[in-house]
Amino acid sequence: MQISTELARFWALAFAAGLVHVVAPDHWVPASILSWQRRWAFARTGLFVIALHAVHLLLGFAIFYAFADILASIPSSRLFVFAFVLVSTVAVVRALRFGRIREVVRSGTDSFWGGVAVFSLLGPCESVIPVFVKGYQMGSGYLAPLIAFAAGTLIGAVSLTWFGQAIWRRPRLLPRGLGWFQERHKMIPLSASIAVGIMLLLRVS
């Protein structure tokens, strides 16, 4: 089967969007702190992050599927605006909620609620919804865009979590890093910038 250049480009951009969106701190900082607290090996951390983000992506797909008829009817010319408003708005909400990182830090090494707090900060993946809409409009279905986006997401999330897990082992870096991440006025422009980056990568106009 011959793949058109347009489809290949779209899948490449979906991969890049998945890679970029995990730069948002709520996608890797809580998991990196939890894995550091529990002294997990990198292999166990990687498996945890993969499972965590698999649920993250599936919840995003579930939201899309529940509103597929409405979302699929969005004109292609207005898809960029829809995607920009959706992802940027949720990015700001995520930034405001990030103060709950304290729940992860205070959970202790054996607390079940530490894992729950990590997942609650992550939540569903809204960034994948415009990818599904674009894939539907291009006739590529859902599977290929999901695989491309998921590949970027998992590579980025595992890499950043490993990075965080390594740097928290330096005693002076954890309090400084958390102090920066807990300042909401700094988190909002960072998250909004990531949202803009995702939209530029997708170019869903």
Protein backbone atom coordinates (compact mmCIF):
# COMPACT_ATOMS: atom_id res chain seq x y z
CA MET A 1 0.00 0.00 0.00
CA GLN A 2 1.46 3.36 -1.02
CA ILE A 3 1.35 6.06 1.64
CA SER A 4 0.80 9.58 0.42
CA THR A 5 3.26 12.31 1.34
CA GLU A 6 0.48 14.20 3.09
CA LEU A 7 -0.36 11.26 5.35
CA ALA A 8 3.30 10.58 6.14
CA ARG A 9 3.78 14.22 7.05
CA PHE A 10 0.69 14.18 9.26
CA TRP A 11 1.90 11.09 11.12
CA ALA A 12 5.33 12.67 11.60
CA LEU A 13 3.70 15.80 13.01
CA ALA A 14 1.50 13.67 15.29
CA PHE A 15 4.65 12.00 16.61
CA ALA A 16 6.27 15.40 17.19
CA ALA A 17 3.14 16.69 18.95
CA GLY A 18 3.18 13.69 21.28
CA LEU A 19 6.84 14.34 22.02
CA VAL A 20 6.32 18.06 22.70
CA HIS A 21 3.23 17.82 24.87
CA VAL A 22 4.95 15.75 27.57
CA VAL A 23 7.35 18.62 28.27
CA ALA A 24 4.56 20.04 30.44
CA PRO A 25 5.73 19.40 34.04
CA ASP A 26 2.62 17.48 35.09
CA HIS A 27 3.55 14.79 32.55
CA TRP A 28 6.89 13.88 34.13
CA VAL A 29 7.72 15.73 37.36
CA PRO A 30 5.27 13.83 39.66
CA ALA A 31 6.30 10.44 38.26
CA SER A 32 9.98 11.31 38.55
CA ILE A 33 9.54 12.32 42.21
CA LEU A 34 7.56 9.17 43.02
CA SER A 35 10.16 6.92 41.38
CA TRP A 36 12.95 8.77 43.19
CA GLN A 37 11.20 8.49 46.55
CA ARG A 38 10.70 4.75 46.11
CA ARG A 39 14.18 4.19 44.72
CA TRP A 40 12.92 2.39 41.68
CA ALA A 41 15.32 1.10 39.07
CA PHE A 42 15.09 2.82 35.70
CA ALA A 43 13.39 -0.25 34.20
CA ARG A 44 10.58 -0.19 36.77
CA THR A 45 10.20 3.57 36.35
CA GLY A 46 9.92 3.12 32.58
CA LEU A 47 7.19 0.50 32.94
CA PHE A 48 5.28 2.71 35.37
CA VAL A 49 5.46 5.70 33.02
CA ILE A 50 4.38 3.62 30.02
CA ALA A 51 1.35 2.27 31.92
CA LEU A 52 0.51 5.73 33.25
CA HIS A 53 0.59 7.39 29.84
CA ALA A 54 -1.20 4.51 28.15
CA VAL A 55 -4.19 5.21 30.42
CA HIS A 56 -3.67 8.95 29.82
CA LEU A 57 -3.99 8.42 26.05
CA LEU A 58 -6.88 5.97 26.25
CA LEU A 59 -8.88 8.42 28.35
CA GLY A 60 -8.23 11.08 25.71
CA PHE A 61 -9.49 8.70 23.04
CA ALA A 62 -12.55 7.88 25.17
CA ILE A 63 -13.44 11.57 25.38
CA PHE A 64 -13.02 11.94 21.64
CA TYR A 65 -15.10 8.82 20.96
CA ALA A 66 -17.90 10.04 23.21
CA PHE A 67 -18.17 13.26 21.18
CA ALA A 68 -16.96 11.90 17.84
CA ASP A 69 -20.04 12.96 15.86
CA ILE A 70 -19.75 16.55 17.04
CA LEU A 71 -15.97 16.77 16.72
CA ALA A 72 -15.89 15.21 13.27
CA SER A 73 -18.29 17.87 12.02
CA ILE A 74 -15.85 20.71 12.78
CA PRO A 75 -14.87 22.26 9.43
CA SER A 76 -11.23 21.79 8.52
CA SER A 77 -10.83 25.56 8.25
CA ARG A 78 -11.82 25.96 11.91
CA LEU A 79 -9.95 22.99 13.34
CA PHE A 80 -6.86 25.02 14.20
CA VAL A 81 -8.91 27.48 16.26
CA PHE A 82 -10.72 24.65 18.05
CA ALA A 83 -7.47 22.84 18.80
CA PHE A 84 -5.72 25.99 19.97
CA VAL A 85 -8.53 26.98 22.35
CA LEU A 86 -8.93 23.43 23.70
CA VAL A 87 -5.27 22.70 24.39
CA SER A 88 -4.36 26.19 25.60
CA THR A 89 -7.30 26.35 28.01
CA VAL A 90 -6.58 22.93 29.47
CA ALA A 91 -2.87 23.80 29.71
CA VAL A 92 -3.68 26.79 31.91
CA VAL A 93 -6.02 24.69 34.08
CA ARG A 94 -3.27 22.09 34.45
CA ALA A 95 -0.83 24.80 35.49
CA LEU A 96 -3.20 26.08 38.18
CA ARG A 97 -3.69 22.55 39.52
CA PHE A 98 0.00 21.79 39.66
CA GLY A 99 0.29 23.05 43.22
CA ARG A 100 -1.07 19.63 44.17
CA ILE A 101 2.41 18.26 43.54
CA ARG A 102 2.71 18.53 47.34
CA GLU A 103 0.44 15.48 47.60
CA VAL A 104 3.04 13.40 45.79
CA VAL A 105 5.94 14.73 47.83
CA ARG A 106 4.16 14.12 51.14
CA SER A 107 2.74 10.71 50.26
CA GLY A 108 5.76 8.79 51.54
CA THR A 109 7.59 5.89 50.00
CA ASP A 110 4.92 3.23 50.48
CA SER A 111 1.70 5.20 50.15
CA PHE A 112 -0.86 4.02 47.58
CA TRP A 113 -2.14 7.60 47.35
CA GLY A 114 1.16 8.78 45.93
CA GLY A 115 0.43 6.89 42.73
CA VAL A 116 -3.15 8.17 42.71
CA ALA A 117 -1.89 11.74 43.06
CA VAL A 118 0.50 11.26 40.13
CA PHE A 119 -2.35 10.05 37.92
CA SER A 120 -4.77 12.75 39.07
CA LEU A 121 -2.28 15.44 38.07
CA LEU A 122 -1.91 13.85 34.64
CA GLY A 123 -5.56 13.14 33.81
CA PRO A 124 -6.91 12.56 30.28
CA CYS A 125 -4.90 13.53 27.21
CA GLU A 126 -6.75 16.40 25.54
CA SER A 127 -3.88 17.05 23.12
CA VAL A 128 -4.62 13.90 21.15
CA ILE A 129 -8.21 14.93 20.35
CA PRO A 130 -7.28 17.31 17.47
CA VAL A 131 -5.04 14.56 16.09
CA PHE A 132 -7.98 12.17 15.94
CA VAL A 133 -10.20 14.79 14.35
CA LYS A 134 -7.60 15.56 11.69
CA GLY A 135 -7.00 11.86 11.08
CA TYR A 136 -10.72 11.31 10.61
CA GLN A 137 -10.98 14.19 8.16
CA MET A 138 -7.99 12.91 6.18
CA GLY A 139 -9.43 9.39 6.02
CA SER A 140 -6.49 7.80 7.82
CA GLY A 141 -8.60 6.38 10.64
CA TYR A 142 -7.64 6.46 14.29
CA LEU A 143 -5.04 3.73 14.70
CA ALA A 144 -2.12 5.23 12.77
CA PRO A 145 -2.39 8.72 14.33
CA LEU A 146 -2.75 7.13 17.78
CA ILE A 147 0.37 5.01 17.26
CA ALA A 148 2.37 8.01 16.03
CA PHE A 149 1.23 10.29 18.87
CA ALA A 150 1.67 7.54 21.46
CA ALA A 151 5.20 6.77 20.26
CA GLY A 152 6.23 10.41 20.71
CA THR A 153 4.45 10.58 24.06
CA LEU A 154 6.06 7.47 25.51
CA ILE A 155 9.56 8.28 24.28
CA GLY A 156 9.37 11.81 25.68
CA ALA A 157 7.69 10.86 28.96
CA VAL A 158 10.05 8.01 29.80
CA SER A 159 13.13 10.06 28.89
CA LEU A 160 12.07 13.10 30.93
CA THR A 161 11.03 10.99 33.92
CA TRP A 162 14.38 9.22 33.92
CA PHE A 163 16.05 12.62 33.73
CA GLY A 164 14.00 13.91 36.67
CA GLN A 165 14.61 10.77 38.70
CA ALA A 166 18.35 11.22 38.21
CA ILE A 167 18.51 14.91 39.12
CA TRP A 168 16.37 14.57 42.27
CA ARG A 169 19.12 12.37 43.66
CA ARG A 170 21.10 15.55 44.18
CA PRO A 171 19.70 16.86 47.50
CA ARG A 172 19.87 20.55 46.62
CA LEU A 173 18.01 20.25 43.34
CA LEU A 174 14.68 18.84 44.56
CA PRO A 175 13.57 21.76 46.79
CA ARG A 176 14.74 24.31 44.23
CA GLY A 177 12.96 22.53 41.42
CA LEU A 178 9.73 22.13 43.37
CA GLY A 179 9.84 25.75 44.46
CA TRP A 180 9.96 26.82 40.81
CA PHE A 181 7.24 24.43 39.70
CA GLN A 182 4.89 25.49 42.50
CA GLU A 183 4.92 29.13 41.45
CA ARG A 184 1.76 29.24 39.38
CA HIS A 185 2.54 32.49 37.62
CA LYS A 186 5.59 30.76 36.10
CA MET A 187 3.72 27.58 35.22
CA ILE A 188 0.97 29.27 33.21
CA PRO A 189 3.14 30.80 30.46
CA LEU A 190 5.19 27.61 30.25
CA SER A 191 2.13 25.42 29.76
CA ALA A 192 0.56 27.89 27.34
CA SER A 193 3.77 27.98 25.30
CA ILE A 194 3.76 24.19 25.07
CA ALA A 195 0.16 24.30 23.89
CA VAL A 196 1.09 26.79 21.18
CA GLY A 197 3.99 24.57 20.17
CA ILE A 198 1.70 21.58 19.77
CA MET A 199 -0.67 23.52 17.58
CA LEU A 200 2.12 24.80 15.37
CA LEU A 201 3.46 21.29 14.99
CA LEU A 202 0.09 19.89 13.99
CA ARG A 203 -0.83 22.79 11.72
CA VAL A 204 -4.44 21.66 11.84
CA SER A 205 -5.72 24.62 9.88
